[in-house]
Amino acid sequence: MDRRDFLKKVGVGTATAAAATTVNAPYVWAKGKTYMWRMVTTWPPELPVLQDGAVRFAKRVEEMSEGRIKIDVYAGGELVPPLGTFDAVSQGTVECGSGASYYWAGKTPAAQWFSAVPFGLNAQGMNAWFYSGGGLQLWEEVYAPFNVVSRPQGNTGVQMGGWFNKKINTIDDYKGLKMRIPGLGGKVVSKAGGTVVLLAGGEIYTSLERGVIDATEWVGPLHDLRMGFYQAAKYYYYPGWHEPGTTLEVMFNKKAYDSLPKDLQAVLDAAAAETNLWSLCEFEAQNGAALQTLVKKHKVQLVRFPDEVLKALRKLAEETIEEEADKDPMARKVHEAFKAFKAKVSAWGTVSEAAYYNAIG
């Protein structure tokens, strides 16, 4: 055999054998560096869905990264005060945190639009805005000066209107009312004449029971039952005009996030999106049974806000939101984007979701 032909055939054979070995060989993960992170939250320990969601997120990140990222989770007050979560992440005291962006209105007014807007988008609309309507990019822009990157990590769906120790028959009944209600909804209540008190979750029941506040909103039946508010307030109002689709967030210190390889950044993003879906499903699946327990077992008086009250609140909400948007150029930019997207999806929602619910109602 010609020497060159021999070498050529041997080379081809060797390459083929090597390729076959590579194809059949098991994939070996080059783990590399392991990242040990800490997460703080605004939520009380073991709070269903909210604190559970933060814990679940950490577990999924560890599973999806095959142990390359491990996150220790601390409930509100265990490592930092609940409302100190944003600062802890921003300053790099911890690598990540979980909460709701309207808690940080004092840092930047624009943050409020990324949690809940009174008479705004529901959960489906909020998710559409974040993932397909440019909302997430705006959120990143708002948090950039604070060295924070945020992702949606949950949604409560439409909340309840709150617990009251007096009936709300007219808009004037808000005058002098001391109510725990955060975000833009709180500013609407303030405009209606109420006194807004901002409290972390673990402080609400005692404040309501002792008369420090006259009313509170929290989330919905699942959580309100657990918190025992039915023992401290008489009337349970709906609908939750102030929070029609409240988004919860996971925040990352930007330096810590950017230090990760791209594949691990993708793991964090994917785990956040998965937890976002999981939390909404949990609320939808469990709120109904909890509401029945509150009404049937605990004899809670379930009351709908009168139409005239809702109409007045909506007018005040429109005024309030415009005033908040005027406080800061970024808030105005976010508001205009939110408003435009809401108008677009509402046109479809009128002939789809709204029409369907009216048909079966």
Protein backbone atom coordinates (compact mmCIF):
# COMPACT_ATOMS: atom_id res chain seq x y z
CA MET A 1 0.00 0.00 0.00
CA ASP A 2 1.24 3.47 -0.82
CA ARG A 3 2.58 5.13 2.35
CA ARG A 4 0.40 8.21 1.89
CA ASP A 5 -2.74 6.13 1.37
CA PHE A 6 -1.92 4.10 4.46
CA LEU A 7 -1.48 7.19 6.67
CA LYS A 8 -4.65 8.72 5.24
CA LYS A 9 -6.71 5.62 6.02
CA VAL A 10 -5.24 5.30 9.50
CA GLY A 11 -6.01 8.98 10.18
CA VAL A 12 -9.62 8.67 9.04
CA GLY A 13 -10.10 5.53 11.11
CA THR A 14 -8.63 7.13 14.21
CA ALA A 15 -10.81 10.23 13.82
CA THR A 16 -13.91 8.08 13.32
CA ALA A 17 -13.15 6.02 16.42
CA ALA A 18 -12.53 9.18 18.44
CA ALA A 19 -15.80 10.71 17.25
CA ALA A 20 -17.72 7.56 18.14
CA THR A 21 -16.13 7.54 21.59
CA THR A 22 -17.06 11.20 22.09
CA VAL A 23 -20.67 10.66 21.02
CA ASN A 24 -21.11 7.67 23.31
CA ALA A 25 -19.24 9.10 26.29
CA PRO A 26 -21.30 10.48 29.17
CA TYR A 27 -21.25 14.29 29.51
CA VAL A 28 -19.05 15.37 32.41
CA TRP A 29 -20.01 18.73 33.97
CA ALA A 30 -17.09 21.02 34.69
CA LYS A 31 -18.51 22.49 37.87
CA GLY A 32 -15.92 25.13 38.49
CA LYS A 33 -16.55 27.74 41.18
CA THR A 34 -19.34 27.35 43.76
CA TYR A 35 -21.16 30.53 44.77
CA MET A 36 -22.48 30.83 48.33
CA TRP A 37 -25.18 33.51 48.47
CA ARG A 38 -27.57 34.90 51.06
CA MET A 39 -31.13 36.09 50.47
CA VAL A 40 -33.16 38.32 52.81
CA THR A 41 -36.89 38.89 52.44
CA THR A 42 -39.64 41.21 53.60
CA TRP A 43 -41.85 38.25 54.53
CA PRO A 44 -42.54 36.66 57.95
CA PRO A 45 -41.03 33.18 58.53
CA GLU A 46 -42.87 30.29 56.84
CA LEU A 47 -45.46 32.59 55.22
CA PRO A 48 -47.20 30.45 52.56
CA VAL A 49 -46.35 31.19 48.94
CA LEU A 50 -44.42 34.41 49.68
CA GLN A 51 -41.66 33.22 52.03
CA ASP A 52 -42.18 29.69 50.74
CA GLY A 53 -41.63 31.04 47.24
CA ALA A 54 -38.28 32.54 48.21
CA VAL A 55 -37.20 29.24 49.74
CA ARG A 56 -38.45 27.34 46.70
CA PHE A 57 -36.55 29.69 44.41
CA ALA A 58 -33.31 29.04 46.28
CA LYS A 59 -33.87 25.28 46.10
CA ARG A 60 -34.57 25.36 42.37
CA VAL A 61 -31.49 27.48 41.73
CA GLU A 62 -29.33 24.91 43.53
CA GLU A 63 -30.97 22.04 41.62
CA MET A 64 -30.77 23.72 38.23
CA SER A 65 -27.16 24.78 38.73
CA GLU A 66 -26.20 21.34 40.05
CA GLY A 67 -24.97 22.88 43.27
CA ARG A 68 -22.94 25.69 41.73
CA ILE A 69 -25.12 28.32 43.46
CA LYS A 70 -26.31 27.76 47.01
CA ILE A 71 -28.58 30.38 48.60
CA ASP A 72 -29.34 30.61 52.32
CA VAL A 73 -32.71 32.33 52.86
CA TYR A 74 -33.53 34.58 55.81
CA ALA A 75 -37.07 35.79 56.57
CA GLY A 76 -37.79 39.40 57.45
CA GLY A 77 -36.00 40.37 60.67
CA GLU A 78 -33.75 37.31 60.84
CA LEU A 79 -30.76 39.06 59.27
CA VAL A 80 -31.99 42.56 58.40
CA PRO A 81 -35.30 44.38 59.09
CA PRO A 82 -38.01 43.45 56.54
CA LEU A 83 -38.05 46.90 54.97
CA GLY A 84 -34.25 46.98 54.93
CA THR A 85 -34.16 44.35 52.19
CA PHE A 86 -33.57 46.74 49.29
CA ASP A 87 -30.69 48.53 51.01
CA ALA A 88 -29.06 45.23 51.97
CA VAL A 89 -29.07 44.09 48.34
CA SER A 90 -28.12 47.49 46.95
CA GLN A 91 -25.13 47.84 49.28
CA GLY A 92 -23.97 44.27 48.71
CA THR A 93 -24.53 43.21 52.33
CA VAL A 94 -26.32 40.22 50.77
CA GLU A 95 -26.45 39.00 47.20
CA CYS A 96 -30.23 38.86 46.77
CA GLY A 97 -33.57 39.67 48.33
CA SER A 98 -37.31 39.12 47.92
CA GLY A 99 -40.13 41.60 48.39
CA ALA A 100 -42.48 43.91 46.50
CA SER A 101 -41.19 46.97 44.67
CA TYR A 102 -43.78 49.43 46.05
CA TYR A 103 -41.95 49.21 49.37
CA TRP A 104 -39.12 51.17 47.74
CA ALA A 105 -41.15 54.19 46.59
CA GLY A 106 -39.04 56.33 48.90
CA LYS A 107 -35.96 55.32 46.92
CA THR A 108 -37.50 55.94 43.51
CA PRO A 109 -41.20 56.70 42.78
CA ALA A 110 -41.03 54.68 39.56
CA ALA A 111 -40.61 51.44 41.54
CA GLN A 112 -44.31 51.41 42.39
CA TRP A 113 -45.45 50.61 38.85
CA PHE A 114 -43.62 47.27 38.93
CA SER A 115 -45.70 45.86 41.79
CA ALA A 116 -49.29 47.12 41.56
CA VAL A 117 -51.18 50.01 40.01
CA PRO A 118 -54.72 50.77 41.29
CA PHE A 119 -57.29 49.81 38.65
CA GLY A 120 -54.31 48.69 36.55
CA LEU A 121 -53.24 45.37 35.06
CA ASN A 122 -54.12 41.97 36.48
CA ALA A 123 -51.57 39.17 36.83
CA GLN A 124 -51.89 38.13 33.21
CA GLY A 125 -51.42 41.72 32.07
CA MET A 126 -48.44 42.35 34.36
CA ASN A 127 -46.66 39.25 33.10
CA ALA A 128 -47.38 40.25 29.50
CA TRP A 129 -45.91 43.70 30.19
CA PHE A 130 -42.75 42.30 31.80
CA TYR A 131 -41.97 39.49 29.41
CA SER A 132 -43.36 40.82 26.12
CA GLY A 133 -44.07 44.53 26.51
CA GLY A 134 -40.79 46.08 27.62
CA GLY A 135 -41.62 46.30 31.32
CA LEU A 136 -38.62 44.26 32.45
CA GLN A 137 -36.19 46.48 30.56
CA LEU A 138 -37.71 49.56 32.21
CA TRP A 139 -37.42 47.89 35.62
CA GLU A 140 -33.73 47.27 35.05
CA GLU A 141 -33.29 50.92 34.05
CA VAL A 142 -35.04 52.16 37.21
CA TYR A 143 -32.94 49.99 39.54
CA ALA A 144 -29.60 50.51 37.76
CA PRO A 145 -28.54 53.55 39.86
CA PHE A 146 -28.99 51.40 42.98
CA ASN A 147 -26.79 48.55 41.76
CA VAL A 148 -29.82 46.21 41.73
CA VAL A 149 -31.21 43.84 39.09
CA SER A 150 -34.78 42.61 39.59
CA ARG A 151 -36.97 39.86 38.17
CA PRO A 152 -40.65 38.95 38.68
CA GLN A 153 -40.79 36.15 41.25
CA GLY A 154 -44.49 35.85 41.96
CA ASN A 155 -47.94 37.33 41.60
CA THR A 156 -50.85 37.35 44.04
CA GLY A 157 -53.55 37.79 41.42
CA VAL A 158 -56.42 40.13 42.30
CA GLN A 159 -56.27 40.83 46.02
CA MET A 160 -59.05 41.48 48.51
CA GLY A 161 -60.03 45.06 49.35
CA GLY A 162 -59.11 44.71 53.00
CA TRP A 163 -60.33 44.32 56.56
CA PHE A 164 -62.28 47.16 58.16
CA ASN A 165 -63.75 47.86 61.56
CA LYS A 166 -66.35 50.16 60.09
CA LYS A 167 -68.45 49.98 56.94
CA ILE A 168 -67.48 51.92 53.84
CA ASN A 169 -70.76 53.23 52.45
CA THR A 170 -69.46 56.40 50.81
CA ILE A 171 -66.06 57.80 49.89
CA ASP A 172 -66.33 60.09 52.92
CA ASP A 173 -65.98 57.06 55.20
CA TYR A 174 -62.28 57.06 54.36
CA LYS A 175 -61.81 60.39 56.11
CA GLY A 176 -59.81 59.90 59.28
CA LEU A 177 -59.45 56.16 58.62
CA LYS A 178 -56.08 54.78 59.74
CA MET A 179 -55.20 52.04 57.27
CA ARG A 180 -52.19 49.88 56.55
CA ILE A 181 -51.94 50.02 52.76
CA PRO A 182 -48.68 50.47 50.80
CA GLY A 183 -47.89 51.68 47.32
CA LEU A 184 -50.01 53.78 45.03
CA GLY A 185 -53.15 52.38 46.67
CA GLY A 186 -52.05 53.94 49.94
CA LYS A 187 -51.64 57.30 48.28
CA VAL A 188 -55.19 57.04 46.93
CA VAL A 189 -56.53 56.34 50.42
CA SER A 190 -54.55 59.31 51.69
CA LYS A 191 -56.10 61.50 48.97
CA ALA A 192 -59.52 60.28 50.11
CA GLY A 193 -58.76 61.60 53.60
CA GLY A 194 -57.35 58.52 55.27
CA THR A 195 -54.13 58.18 57.27
CA VAL A 196 -51.79 55.62 55.75
CA VAL A 197 -49.59 53.49 58.00
CA LEU A 198 -46.82 51.37 56.44
CA LEU A 199 -46.22 48.16 58.39
CA ALA A 200 -44.37 44.94 57.67
CA GLY A 201 -46.50 41.79 57.61
CA GLY A 202 -45.55 40.61 61.09
CA GLU A 203 -46.73 43.87 62.70
CA ILE A 204 -50.19 44.12 61.16
CA TYR A 205 -52.34 41.89 63.37
CA THR A 206 -51.23 43.43 66.66
CA SER A 207 -51.71 46.95 65.28
CA LEU A 208 -55.23 46.10 64.08
CA GLU A 209 -56.14 44.37 67.34
CA ARG A 210 -54.92 47.29 69.48
CA GLY A 211 -56.58 49.97 67.39
CA VAL A 212 -53.33 51.46 66.11
CA ILE A 213 -54.96 51.07 62.70
CA ASP A 214 -58.67 50.86 61.78
CA ALA A 215 -58.22 48.80 58.65
CA THR A 216 -55.66 46.83 56.70
CA GLU A 217 -55.17 45.15 53.39
CA TRP A 218 -52.80 42.23 53.11
CA VAL A 219 -53.18 39.78 50.28
CA GLY A 220 -56.17 37.46 49.97
CA PRO A 221 -58.09 34.70 51.74
CA LEU A 222 -55.22 32.21 51.96
CA HIS A 223 -52.97 34.58 53.84
CA ASP A 224 -55.66 36.56 55.64
CA LEU A 225 -57.00 33.38 57.21
CA ARG A 226 -53.53 32.43 58.43
CA MET A 227 -52.90 35.92 59.78
CA GLY A 228 -56.12 35.71 61.83
CA PHE A 229 -57.45 39.10 60.77
CA TYR A 230 -61.00 37.85 61.19
CA GLN A 231 -60.42 38.00 64.95
CA ALA A 232 -59.53 41.70 64.84
CA ALA A 233 -61.81 43.21 62.17
CA LYS A 234 -65.50 42.93 61.30
CA TYR A 235 -65.80 43.46 57.58
CA TYR A 236 -63.93 41.86 54.69
CA TYR A 237 -64.20 43.98 51.53
CA TYR A 238 -63.71 43.20 47.85
CA PRO A 239 -62.54 43.71 45.11
CA GLY A 240 -58.91 44.68 45.59
CA TRP A 241 -59.03 47.77 43.39
CA HIS A 242 -55.64 48.87 44.74
CA GLU A 243 -53.77 45.67 43.81
CA PRO A 244 -55.33 43.84 40.85
CA GLY A 245 -52.23 41.77 40.05
CA THR A 246 -49.41 42.41 42.49
CA THR A 247 -45.98 41.34 41.27
CA LEU A 248 -43.42 40.10 43.78
CA GLU A 249 -39.73 40.42 43.03
CA VAL A 250 -36.39 38.79 43.51
CA MET A 251 -33.57 41.35 43.57
CA PHE A 252 -29.90 40.68 42.86
CA ASN A 253 -26.95 42.83 43.73
CA LYS A 254 -25.80 43.83 40.24
CA LYS A 255 -22.12 43.26 40.94
CA ALA A 256 -22.88 39.77 42.26
CA TYR A 257 -25.21 39.00 39.32
CA ASP A 258 -22.73 40.26 36.72
CA SER A 259 -19.92 38.22 38.29
CA LEU A 260 -21.71 34.98 37.41
CA PRO A 261 -21.09 33.05 34.19
CA LYS A 262 -23.86 33.59 31.64
CA ASP A 263 -25.27 30.11 32.19
CA LEU A 264 -25.76 30.78 35.91
CA GLN A 265 -27.40 34.12 35.21
CA ALA A 266 -29.79 32.19 33.00
CA VAL A 267 -30.44 29.76 35.86
CA LEU A 268 -31.43 32.63 38.16
CA ASP A 269 -33.71 34.12 35.51
CA ALA A 270 -35.35 30.78 34.75
CA ALA A 271 -35.88 29.92 38.42
CA ALA A 272 -37.46 33.34 39.00
CA ALA A 273 -39.85 32.88 36.06
CA GLU A 274 -40.78 29.40 37.26
CA THR A 275 -41.45 30.68 40.80
CA ASN A 276 -43.51 33.51 39.34
CA LEU A 277 -45.83 31.01 37.66
CA TRP A 278 -45.88 28.67 40.66
CA SER A 279 -46.91 31.38 43.11
CA LEU A 280 -49.84 32.60 41.01
CA CYS A 281 -51.06 29.02 40.62
CA GLU A 282 -50.83 28.50 44.39
CA PHE A 283 -52.94 31.57 45.09
CA GLU A 284 -55.54 30.65 42.49
CA ALA A 285 -55.75 27.07 43.75
CA GLN A 286 -56.04 27.88 47.47
CA ASN A 287 -57.86 31.20 47.87
CA GLY A 288 -61.30 29.75 47.18
CA ALA A 289 -61.21 27.17 49.98
CA ALA A 290 -59.77 29.73 52.43
CA LEU A 291 -62.56 32.18 51.59
CA GLN A 292 -65.18 29.52 52.32
CA THR A 293 -63.55 28.84 55.69
CA LEU A 294 -63.59 32.53 56.59
CA VAL A 295 -67.24 32.95 55.66
CA LYS A 296 -68.71 29.63 56.80
CA LYS A 297 -66.60 28.75 59.81
CA HIS A 298 -65.59 32.16 61.14
CA LYS A 299 -68.74 34.01 60.02
CA VAL A 300 -66.82 36.80 58.34
CA GLN A 301 -69.00 39.50 56.79
CA LEU A 302 -67.99 39.58 53.14
CA VAL A 303 -68.87 42.97 51.65
CA ARG A 304 -68.49 44.45 48.16
CA PHE A 305 -67.43 48.05 47.85
CA PRO A 306 -70.43 50.09 46.63
CA ASP A 307 -70.24 51.08 42.96
CA GLU A 308 -70.18 54.78 43.83
CA VAL A 309 -67.22 54.23 46.17
CA LEU A 310 -65.32 52.35 43.46
CA LYS A 311 -66.12 55.08 40.97
CA ALA A 312 -64.82 57.75 43.36
CA LEU A 313 -61.70 55.70 44.16
CA ARG A 314 -60.96 55.26 40.46
CA LYS A 315 -61.13 59.01 39.89
CA LEU A 316 -58.82 59.62 42.85
CA ALA A 317 -56.50 56.89 41.58
CA GLU A 318 -56.15 58.55 38.19
CA GLU A 319 -55.29 61.87 39.84
CA THR A 320 -52.87 60.25 42.26
CA ILE A 321 -50.98 58.29 39.63
CA GLU A 322 -50.52 61.36 37.46
CA GLU A 323 -49.21 63.30 40.46
CA GLU A 324 -46.78 60.51 41.33
CA ALA A 325 -45.58 60.35 37.73
CA ASP A 326 -44.83 64.08 37.83
CA LYS A 327 -42.45 63.64 40.78
CA ASP A 328 -39.67 62.16 38.71
CA PRO A 329 -38.78 61.92 34.99
CA MET A 330 -38.27 58.18 35.26
CA ALA A 331 -41.63 57.73 36.97
CA ARG A 332 -43.26 59.65 34.13
CA LYS A 333 -41.47 57.48 31.57
CA VAL A 334 -42.59 54.25 33.28
CA HIS A 335 -46.14 55.50 33.74
CA GLU A 336 -46.54 56.46 30.09
CA ALA A 337 -45.21 53.06 28.99
CA PHE A 338 -47.52 51.27 31.46
CA LYS A 339 -50.53 53.32 30.38
CA ALA A 340 -49.90 52.66 26.69
CA PHE A 341 -49.51 48.94 27.24
CA LYS A 342 -52.64 48.78 29.41
CA ALA A 343 -54.68 50.49 26.69
CA LYS A 344 -53.42 47.98 24.14
CA VAL A 345 -54.15 44.85 26.16
CA SER A 346 -57.45 46.20 27.51
CA ALA A 347 -58.83 46.45 23.98
CA TRP A 348 -58.29 42.70 23.63
CA GLY A 349 -59.33 41.90 27.20
CA THR A 350 -62.74 43.51 26.68
CA VAL A 351 -63.67 41.01 23.97
CA SER A 352 -61.86 38.03 25.53
CA GLU A 353 -61.55 37.65 29.32
CA ALA A 354 -64.13 40.26 30.34
CA ALA A 355 -66.68 39.04 27.81
CA TYR A 356 -66.17 35.45 28.87
CA TYR A 357 -66.58 36.14 32.60
CA ASN A 358 -69.68 38.22 31.92
CA ALA A 359 -71.10 35.33 29.90
CA ILE A 360 -70.62 32.76 32.66
CA GLY A 361 -71.36 35.09 35.57
